[in-house]
């Protein structure tokens, strides 16, 4: 579980650079982030997916891309599906739209297209703020992760 305060503390502890972006209100969708003035080419989203045996993984994709669930089901099994809003809150402690891949305590899988970005804007654990950082700093903050073709 990771709130904005916890994520910021962790990033500072690792001495990683980031900028906190004021989204001028609660933001739930990629379109809302774009409307707040964030470059759509840099937006990434974190989706929680329930896989077999009621386990969860965090998928990270570019904001404009749709995750291909045929590919996800080939990776994790036929019952893989997006986590329900109450599951997201229970698993990571923040609502949909605020999920950040840092400190989730879940396996993190980056879509291969994300790895081509230099700078990223992502959920911060708070619906009113986003994080902007270099992709290299994000992957250092995440620690262990996998790269797959998800879109």
N, C-alpha and C. Protein backbone atom coordinates (compact mmCIF):
# COMPACT_ATOMS: atom_id res chain seq x y z
N UNK A 1 0.84 -1.18 0.00
CA UNK A 1 0.00 0.00 0.00
C UNK A 1 0.89 1.24 0.00
N UNK A 2 0.53 2.20 -0.84
CA UNK A 2 1.40 3.37 -0.93
C UNK A 2 0.61 4.64 -1.18
N UNK A 3 0.68 5.54 -0.23
CA UNK A 3 0.08 6.85 -0.38
C UNK A 3 1.14 7.80 -0.93
N UNK A 4 0.72 8.99 -1.30
CA UNK A 4 1.65 10.00 -1.79
C UNK A 4 2.77 10.27 -0.78
N UNK A 5 2.43 10.40 0.48
CA UNK A 5 3.44 10.68 1.51
C UNK A 5 4.47 9.55 1.56
N UNK A 6 4.01 8.31 1.50
CA UNK A 6 4.93 7.16 1.54
C UNK A 6 5.80 7.11 0.29
N UNK A 7 5.20 7.36 -0.86
CA UNK A 7 5.96 7.31 -2.12
C UNK A 7 7.00 8.41 -2.14
N UNK A 8 6.62 9.63 -1.76
CA UNK A 8 7.59 10.73 -1.73
C UNK A 8 8.73 10.42 -0.77
N UNK A 9 8.42 9.89 0.39
CA UNK A 9 9.47 9.54 1.35
C UNK A 9 10.43 8.51 0.78
N UNK A 10 9.89 7.53 0.08
CA UNK A 10 10.70 6.48 -0.53
C UNK A 10 11.60 7.06 -1.64
N UNK A 11 11.04 7.91 -2.49
CA UNK A 11 11.82 8.52 -3.57
C UNK A 11 12.94 9.39 -3.00
N UNK A 12 12.66 10.12 -1.94
CA UNK A 12 13.68 10.96 -1.30
C UNK A 12 14.77 10.09 -0.68
N UNK A 13 14.36 9.00 -0.04
CA UNK A 13 15.33 8.07 0.57
C UNK A 13 16.29 7.52 -0.49
N UNK A 14 15.75 7.22 -1.69
CA UNK A 14 16.58 6.70 -2.78
C UNK A 14 17.30 7.80 -3.55
N UNK A 15 17.04 9.07 -3.18
CA UNK A 15 17.62 10.23 -3.84
C UNK A 15 17.29 10.26 -5.33
N UNK A 16 16.02 9.96 -5.65
CA UNK A 16 15.56 9.99 -7.04
C UNK A 16 14.81 11.28 -7.29
N UNK A 17 15.02 11.85 -8.47
CA UNK A 17 14.39 13.12 -8.80
C UNK A 17 12.97 12.88 -9.32
N UNK A 18 12.07 13.77 -8.92
CA UNK A 18 10.69 13.72 -9.38
C UNK A 18 10.09 15.11 -9.20
N UNK A 19 9.01 15.35 -9.90
CA UNK A 19 8.24 16.59 -9.73
C UNK A 19 6.81 16.19 -9.40
N UNK A 20 6.26 16.84 -8.41
CA UNK A 20 4.87 16.62 -8.05
C UNK A 20 4.02 17.57 -8.91
N UNK A 21 3.06 17.01 -9.62
CA UNK A 21 2.21 17.78 -10.54
C UNK A 21 0.84 18.00 -9.88
N UNK A 22 0.44 19.26 -9.74
CA UNK A 22 -0.89 19.59 -9.22
C UNK A 22 -1.89 19.43 -10.36
N UNK A 23 -2.84 18.53 -10.20
CA UNK A 23 -3.82 18.24 -11.26
C UNK A 23 -5.08 19.09 -11.13
N UNK A 24 -5.09 20.04 -10.22
CA UNK A 24 -6.22 20.97 -10.04
C UNK A 24 -7.54 20.26 -9.77
N UNK A 25 -7.52 19.30 -8.89
CA UNK A 25 -8.73 18.57 -8.53
C UNK A 25 -8.51 17.07 -8.68
N UNK A 26 -9.51 16.30 -8.31
CA UNK A 26 -9.41 14.84 -8.40
C UNK A 26 -9.47 14.40 -9.86
N UNK A 27 -8.55 13.52 -10.21
CA UNK A 27 -8.44 13.02 -11.58
C UNK A 27 -8.51 11.50 -11.54
N UNK A 28 -9.41 10.95 -12.37
CA UNK A 28 -9.62 9.51 -12.39
C UNK A 28 -9.20 8.85 -13.69
N UNK A 29 -9.17 9.62 -14.79
CA UNK A 29 -8.92 9.04 -16.11
C UNK A 29 -7.77 9.76 -16.81
N UNK A 30 -7.18 9.08 -17.77
CA UNK A 30 -6.09 9.65 -18.55
C UNK A 30 -6.54 10.96 -19.21
N UNK A 31 -7.77 10.99 -19.71
CA UNK A 31 -8.27 12.20 -20.36
C UNK A 31 -8.27 13.38 -19.41
N UNK A 32 -8.56 13.11 -18.13
CA UNK A 32 -8.56 14.18 -17.13
C UNK A 32 -7.15 14.70 -16.87
N UNK A 33 -6.17 13.81 -16.93
CA UNK A 33 -4.77 14.21 -16.74
C UNK A 33 -4.33 15.10 -17.90
N UNK A 34 -4.70 14.72 -19.11
CA UNK A 34 -4.38 15.53 -20.30
C UNK A 34 -5.04 16.91 -20.16
N UNK A 35 -6.30 16.94 -19.73
CA UNK A 35 -7.01 18.22 -19.56
C UNK A 35 -6.33 19.11 -18.52
N UNK A 36 -5.61 18.50 -17.58
CA UNK A 36 -4.88 19.26 -16.56
C UNK A 36 -3.56 19.82 -17.10
N UNK A 37 -3.24 19.52 -18.38
CA UNK A 37 -2.06 20.09 -19.01
C UNK A 37 -0.84 19.18 -19.10
N UNK A 38 -1.01 17.90 -18.80
CA UNK A 38 0.12 16.96 -18.87
C UNK A 38 0.25 16.45 -20.29
N UNK A 39 1.49 16.35 -20.77
CA UNK A 39 1.78 15.86 -22.11
C UNK A 39 1.26 14.43 -22.25
N UNK A 40 0.31 14.18 -23.16
CA UNK A 40 -0.27 12.84 -23.29
C UNK A 40 0.75 11.77 -23.70
N UNK A 41 1.84 12.17 -24.34
CA UNK A 41 2.86 11.21 -24.75
C UNK A 41 3.66 10.65 -23.58
N UNK A 42 3.58 11.32 -22.42
CA UNK A 42 4.38 10.91 -21.26
C UNK A 42 3.55 10.21 -20.18
N UNK A 43 2.24 10.14 -20.37
CA UNK A 43 1.37 9.56 -19.34
C UNK A 43 1.44 8.04 -19.38
N UNK A 44 1.62 7.47 -18.20
CA UNK A 44 1.52 6.01 -18.05
C UNK A 44 0.48 5.73 -16.97
N UNK A 45 -0.14 4.57 -17.08
CA UNK A 45 -1.16 4.18 -16.11
C UNK A 45 -0.79 2.83 -15.51
N UNK A 46 -1.24 2.63 -14.28
CA UNK A 46 -1.00 1.37 -13.59
C UNK A 46 -2.35 0.71 -13.34
N UNK A 47 -2.51 -0.49 -13.88
CA UNK A 47 -3.75 -1.25 -13.75
C UNK A 47 -3.49 -2.48 -12.90
N UNK A 48 -4.38 -2.75 -11.97
CA UNK A 48 -4.28 -3.98 -11.19
C UNK A 48 -5.12 -5.05 -11.85
N UNK A 49 -4.54 -6.23 -11.98
CA UNK A 49 -5.20 -7.35 -12.63
C UNK A 49 -5.20 -8.54 -11.67
N UNK A 50 -6.38 -9.12 -11.52
CA UNK A 50 -6.52 -10.34 -10.73
C UNK A 50 -6.16 -11.51 -11.62
N UNK A 51 -5.26 -12.35 -11.15
CA UNK A 51 -4.87 -13.54 -11.92
C UNK A 51 -5.28 -14.78 -11.11
N UNK A 52 -4.87 -15.93 -11.53
CA UNK A 52 -5.29 -17.17 -10.87
C UNK A 52 -5.03 -17.15 -9.37
N UNK A 53 -5.79 -17.94 -8.65
CA UNK A 53 -5.65 -18.09 -7.20
C UNK A 53 -5.81 -16.78 -6.45
N UNK A 54 -6.60 -15.85 -7.02
CA UNK A 54 -6.90 -14.57 -6.37
C UNK A 54 -5.63 -13.76 -6.05
N UNK A 55 -4.63 -13.89 -6.90
CA UNK A 55 -3.42 -13.07 -6.79
C UNK A 55 -3.56 -11.89 -7.73
N UNK A 56 -2.75 -10.85 -7.50
CA UNK A 56 -2.83 -9.63 -8.31
C UNK A 56 -1.45 -9.26 -8.84
N UNK A 57 -1.45 -8.60 -9.99
CA UNK A 57 -0.24 -8.01 -10.56
C UNK A 57 -0.56 -6.58 -10.96
N UNK A 58 0.48 -5.76 -11.07
CA UNK A 58 0.33 -4.37 -11.53
C UNK A 58 0.89 -4.27 -12.94
N UNK A 59 0.04 -3.86 -13.88
CA UNK A 59 0.46 -3.68 -15.26
C UNK A 59 0.65 -2.20 -15.53
N UNK A 60 1.76 -1.83 -16.15
CA UNK A 60 2.04 -0.42 -16.45
C UNK A 60 2.09 -0.27 -17.97
N UNK A 61 1.21 0.60 -18.49
CA UNK A 61 1.12 0.83 -19.93
C UNK A 61 1.06 2.34 -20.19
N UNK A 62 1.36 2.72 -21.43
CA UNK A 62 1.20 4.13 -21.79
C UNK A 62 -0.27 4.49 -21.65
N UNK A 63 -0.52 5.73 -21.29
CA UNK A 63 -1.88 6.17 -21.03
C UNK A 63 -2.84 5.98 -22.18
N UNK A 64 -2.36 6.17 -23.40
CA UNK A 64 -3.24 6.08 -24.56
C UNK A 64 -3.43 4.65 -25.05
N UNK A 65 -2.66 3.71 -24.55
CA UNK A 65 -2.72 2.33 -25.03
C UNK A 65 -3.74 1.51 -24.24
N UNK A 66 -4.36 0.58 -24.94
CA UNK A 66 -5.28 -0.36 -24.31
C UNK A 66 -4.54 -1.68 -24.08
N UNK A 67 -4.65 -2.20 -22.87
CA UNK A 67 -4.05 -3.49 -22.58
C UNK A 67 -4.85 -4.55 -23.33
N UNK A 68 -4.16 -5.44 -24.01
CA UNK A 68 -4.77 -6.53 -24.76
C UNK A 68 -4.93 -7.72 -23.81
N UNK A 69 -6.17 -7.96 -23.38
CA UNK A 69 -6.38 -9.03 -22.40
C UNK A 69 -6.19 -10.42 -22.97
N UNK A 70 -6.17 -10.58 -24.28
CA UNK A 70 -5.79 -11.88 -24.85
C UNK A 70 -4.33 -12.17 -24.50
N UNK A 71 -3.48 -11.15 -24.60
CA UNK A 71 -2.06 -11.32 -24.25
C UNK A 71 -1.90 -11.55 -22.75
N UNK A 72 -2.66 -10.82 -21.94
CA UNK A 72 -2.59 -10.98 -20.48
C UNK A 72 -3.02 -12.39 -20.09
N UNK A 73 -4.10 -12.87 -20.71
CA UNK A 73 -4.58 -14.22 -20.38
C UNK A 73 -3.60 -15.31 -20.83
N UNK A 74 -2.89 -15.05 -21.92
CA UNK A 74 -1.85 -16.01 -22.33
C UNK A 74 -0.73 -16.05 -21.29
N UNK A 75 -0.43 -14.91 -20.67
CA UNK A 75 0.62 -14.85 -19.65
C UNK A 75 0.19 -15.48 -18.33
N UNK A 76 -1.07 -15.21 -17.91
CA UNK A 76 -1.48 -15.54 -16.55
C UNK A 76 -2.64 -16.52 -16.44
N UNK A 77 -3.30 -16.83 -17.52
CA UNK A 77 -4.41 -17.76 -17.45
C UNK A 77 -5.73 -17.12 -17.84
N UNK A 78 -6.68 -17.97 -18.17
CA UNK A 78 -7.94 -17.53 -18.76
C UNK A 78 -8.81 -16.70 -17.81
N UNK A 79 -8.57 -16.75 -16.53
CA UNK A 79 -9.43 -16.02 -15.60
C UNK A 79 -8.89 -14.63 -15.26
N UNK A 80 -7.85 -14.18 -15.90
CA UNK A 80 -7.27 -12.87 -15.62
C UNK A 80 -8.24 -11.76 -16.01
N UNK A 81 -8.43 -10.80 -15.11
CA UNK A 81 -9.31 -9.67 -15.40
C UNK A 81 -8.93 -8.48 -14.52
N UNK A 82 -9.38 -7.29 -14.94
CA UNK A 82 -9.12 -6.10 -14.16
C UNK A 82 -9.69 -6.25 -12.75
N UNK A 83 -8.95 -5.77 -11.78
CA UNK A 83 -9.44 -5.76 -10.41
C UNK A 83 -10.62 -4.80 -10.30
N UNK A 84 -11.55 -5.13 -9.44
CA UNK A 84 -12.70 -4.27 -9.19
C UNK A 84 -12.25 -3.10 -8.31
N UNK A 85 -12.97 -1.97 -8.37
CA UNK A 85 -12.57 -0.80 -7.57
C UNK A 85 -12.35 -1.10 -6.09
N UNK A 86 -13.22 -1.92 -5.48
CA UNK A 86 -13.03 -2.23 -4.06
C UNK A 86 -11.77 -3.07 -3.83
N UNK A 87 -11.43 -3.92 -4.81
CA UNK A 87 -10.20 -4.70 -4.69
C UNK A 87 -8.97 -3.80 -4.78
N UNK A 88 -9.02 -2.83 -5.69
CA UNK A 88 -7.89 -1.89 -5.84
C UNK A 88 -7.67 -1.17 -4.52
N UNK A 89 -8.74 -0.65 -3.93
CA UNK A 89 -8.62 0.04 -2.65
C UNK A 89 -8.07 -0.85 -1.55
N UNK A 90 -8.52 -2.09 -1.52
CA UNK A 90 -8.07 -3.02 -0.49
C UNK A 90 -6.61 -3.43 -0.70
N UNK A 91 -6.21 -3.66 -1.96
CA UNK A 91 -4.87 -4.17 -2.26
C UNK A 91 -3.80 -3.09 -2.15
N UNK A 92 -4.05 -1.90 -2.72
CA UNK A 92 -3.01 -0.86 -2.74
C UNK A 92 -3.35 0.35 -1.89
N UNK A 93 -4.56 0.39 -1.32
CA UNK A 93 -4.89 1.46 -0.39
C UNK A 93 -5.21 2.80 -1.00
N UNK A 94 -5.36 2.85 -2.31
CA UNK A 94 -5.73 4.09 -3.00
C UNK A 94 -6.78 3.76 -4.05
N UNK A 95 -7.56 4.76 -4.49
CA UNK A 95 -8.58 4.49 -5.50
C UNK A 95 -8.01 4.35 -6.90
N UNK A 96 -8.80 3.77 -7.79
CA UNK A 96 -8.45 3.72 -9.20
C UNK A 96 -8.18 5.15 -9.66
N UNK A 97 -7.14 5.33 -10.45
CA UNK A 97 -6.75 6.66 -10.91
C UNK A 97 -5.56 7.20 -10.15
N UNK A 98 -5.35 6.71 -8.93
CA UNK A 98 -4.24 7.19 -8.11
C UNK A 98 -3.13 6.13 -7.98
N UNK A 99 -3.34 4.95 -8.56
CA UNK A 99 -2.40 3.84 -8.37
C UNK A 99 -1.04 4.17 -8.98
N UNK A 100 -0.02 3.90 -8.20
CA UNK A 100 1.37 4.11 -8.60
C UNK A 100 2.07 2.75 -8.53
N UNK A 101 2.95 2.43 -9.47
CA UNK A 101 3.63 1.13 -9.41
C UNK A 101 4.70 1.03 -8.32
N UNK A 102 5.01 2.15 -7.68
CA UNK A 102 6.04 2.17 -6.63
C UNK A 102 5.40 1.71 -5.31
N UNK A 103 6.05 0.80 -4.63
CA UNK A 103 5.63 0.31 -3.30
C UNK A 103 4.29 -0.42 -3.30
N UNK A 104 3.93 -1.09 -4.39
CA UNK A 104 2.67 -1.82 -4.42
C UNK A 104 2.74 -3.17 -3.71
N UNK A 105 3.93 -3.69 -3.54
CA UNK A 105 4.10 -5.05 -3.01
C UNK A 105 3.46 -6.09 -3.91
N UNK A 106 3.39 -5.78 -5.20
CA UNK A 106 2.87 -6.70 -6.22
C UNK A 106 3.92 -6.86 -7.31
N UNK A 107 3.86 -7.96 -8.06
CA UNK A 107 4.71 -8.04 -9.25
C UNK A 107 4.32 -6.91 -10.21
N UNK A 108 5.31 -6.22 -10.75
CA UNK A 108 5.07 -5.11 -11.68
C UNK A 108 5.54 -5.54 -13.06
N UNK A 109 4.66 -5.35 -14.05
CA UNK A 109 4.97 -5.70 -15.43
C UNK A 109 4.80 -4.45 -16.27
N UNK A 110 5.89 -4.02 -16.90
CA UNK A 110 5.85 -2.87 -17.80
C UNK A 110 5.58 -3.34 -19.21
N UNK A 111 4.66 -2.67 -19.89
CA UNK A 111 4.48 -2.92 -21.31
C UNK A 111 5.76 -2.47 -22.01
N UNK A 112 6.18 -3.21 -23.01
CA UNK A 112 7.44 -2.91 -23.70
C UNK A 112 7.46 -1.50 -24.29
N UNK A 113 6.29 -0.96 -24.66
CA UNK A 113 6.25 0.39 -25.24
C UNK A 113 6.59 1.47 -24.21
N UNK A 114 6.33 1.21 -22.95
CA UNK A 114 6.69 2.17 -21.90
C UNK A 114 8.20 2.36 -21.85
N UNK A 115 8.94 1.31 -22.13
CA UNK A 115 10.39 1.35 -22.00
C UNK A 115 11.04 2.28 -23.02
N UNK A 116 10.30 2.72 -24.02
CA UNK A 116 10.83 3.66 -25.00
C UNK A 116 10.68 5.12 -24.59
N UNK A 117 10.05 5.37 -23.47
CA UNK A 117 9.84 6.74 -23.00
C UNK A 117 11.05 7.23 -22.20
N UNK A 118 11.28 8.53 -22.23
CA UNK A 118 12.34 9.10 -21.40
C UNK A 118 11.79 9.63 -20.09
N UNK A 119 10.71 10.41 -20.21
CA UNK A 119 10.07 11.00 -19.04
C UNK A 119 8.65 10.45 -18.96
N UNK A 120 8.17 10.22 -17.73
CA UNK A 120 6.83 9.67 -17.54
C UNK A 120 6.06 10.49 -16.50
N UNK A 121 4.76 10.51 -16.66
CA UNK A 121 3.83 11.09 -15.69
C UNK A 121 2.91 9.97 -15.25
N UNK A 122 2.77 9.79 -13.95
CA UNK A 122 2.05 8.64 -13.43
C UNK A 122 1.29 8.97 -12.17
N UNK A 123 0.43 8.05 -11.76
CA UNK A 123 -0.30 8.19 -10.51
C UNK A 123 0.65 8.28 -9.34
N UNK A 124 0.20 9.00 -8.31
CA UNK A 124 1.08 9.29 -7.17
C UNK A 124 0.57 8.73 -5.85
N UNK A 125 -0.56 8.03 -5.88
CA UNK A 125 -1.17 7.61 -4.63
C UNK A 125 -2.18 8.64 -4.13
N UNK A 126 -2.38 9.71 -4.91
CA UNK A 126 -3.30 10.80 -4.55
C UNK A 126 -3.98 11.26 -5.84
N UNK A 127 -5.30 11.33 -5.85
CA UNK A 127 -6.03 11.70 -7.07
C UNK A 127 -5.81 13.14 -7.51
N UNK A 128 -5.28 13.99 -6.65
CA UNK A 128 -5.11 15.40 -7.00
C UNK A 128 -3.70 15.74 -7.47
N UNK A 129 -2.81 14.76 -7.46
CA UNK A 129 -1.42 14.99 -7.87
C UNK A 129 -0.90 13.84 -8.73
N UNK A 130 0.00 14.17 -9.62
CA UNK A 130 0.71 13.17 -10.40
C UNK A 130 2.20 13.29 -10.12
N UNK A 131 2.93 12.30 -10.54
CA UNK A 131 4.39 12.33 -10.44
C UNK A 131 4.96 12.42 -11.85
N UNK A 132 5.96 13.26 -12.02
CA UNK A 132 6.70 13.33 -13.27
C UNK A 132 8.14 12.98 -12.94
N UNK A 133 8.69 12.04 -13.69
CA UNK A 133 10.07 11.61 -13.43
C UNK A 133 10.65 10.93 -14.65
N UNK A 134 11.96 10.79 -14.67
CA UNK A 134 12.62 10.04 -15.73
C UNK A 134 12.26 8.56 -15.58
N UNK A 135 12.09 7.88 -16.72
CA UNK A 135 11.76 6.46 -16.67
C UNK A 135 12.82 5.68 -15.91
N UNK A 136 14.08 6.03 -16.10
CA UNK A 136 15.16 5.34 -15.39
C UNK A 136 15.00 5.41 -13.88
N UNK A 137 14.57 6.58 -13.37
CA UNK A 137 14.35 6.72 -11.94
C UNK A 137 13.13 5.90 -11.49
N UNK A 138 12.11 5.85 -12.33
CA UNK A 138 10.94 5.05 -11.99
C UNK A 138 11.30 3.58 -11.87
N UNK A 139 12.02 3.04 -12.82
CA UNK A 139 12.34 1.61 -12.75
C UNK A 139 13.27 1.32 -11.57
N UNK A 140 14.14 2.27 -11.21
CA UNK A 140 14.96 2.08 -10.00
C UNK A 140 14.06 2.06 -8.76
N UNK A 141 13.05 2.92 -8.73
CA UNK A 141 12.15 2.97 -7.58
C UNK A 141 11.31 1.70 -7.48
N UNK A 142 10.88 1.17 -8.63
CA UNK A 142 10.07 -0.06 -8.63
C UNK A 142 10.91 -1.25 -8.18
N UNK A 143 12.18 -1.28 -8.59
CA UNK A 143 13.06 -2.40 -8.22
C UNK A 143 12.88 -3.56 -9.17
N UNK A 144 12.25 -4.63 -8.73
CA UNK A 144 12.05 -5.80 -9.57
C UNK A 144 10.82 -5.61 -10.44
N UNK A 145 10.98 -5.91 -11.71
CA UNK A 145 9.88 -5.79 -12.66
C UNK A 145 10.16 -6.69 -13.85
N UNK A 146 9.13 -6.88 -14.66
CA UNK A 146 9.22 -7.65 -15.89
C UNK A 146 8.76 -6.76 -17.03
N UNK A 147 9.27 -7.01 -18.23
CA UNK A 147 8.84 -6.30 -19.42
C UNK A 147 8.17 -7.30 -20.33
N UNK A 148 6.94 -6.99 -20.78
CA UNK A 148 6.19 -7.87 -21.67
C UNK A 148 5.44 -7.02 -22.69
N UNK A 149 5.00 -7.66 -23.75
CA UNK A 149 4.13 -7.01 -24.73
C UNK A 149 2.70 -7.16 -24.22
N UNK A 150 2.13 -6.07 -23.72
CA UNK A 150 0.79 -6.10 -23.14
C UNK A 150 -0.26 -5.40 -23.96
N UNK A 151 0.16 -4.64 -24.99
CA UNK A 151 -0.80 -3.83 -25.75
C UNK A 151 -0.83 -4.23 -27.22
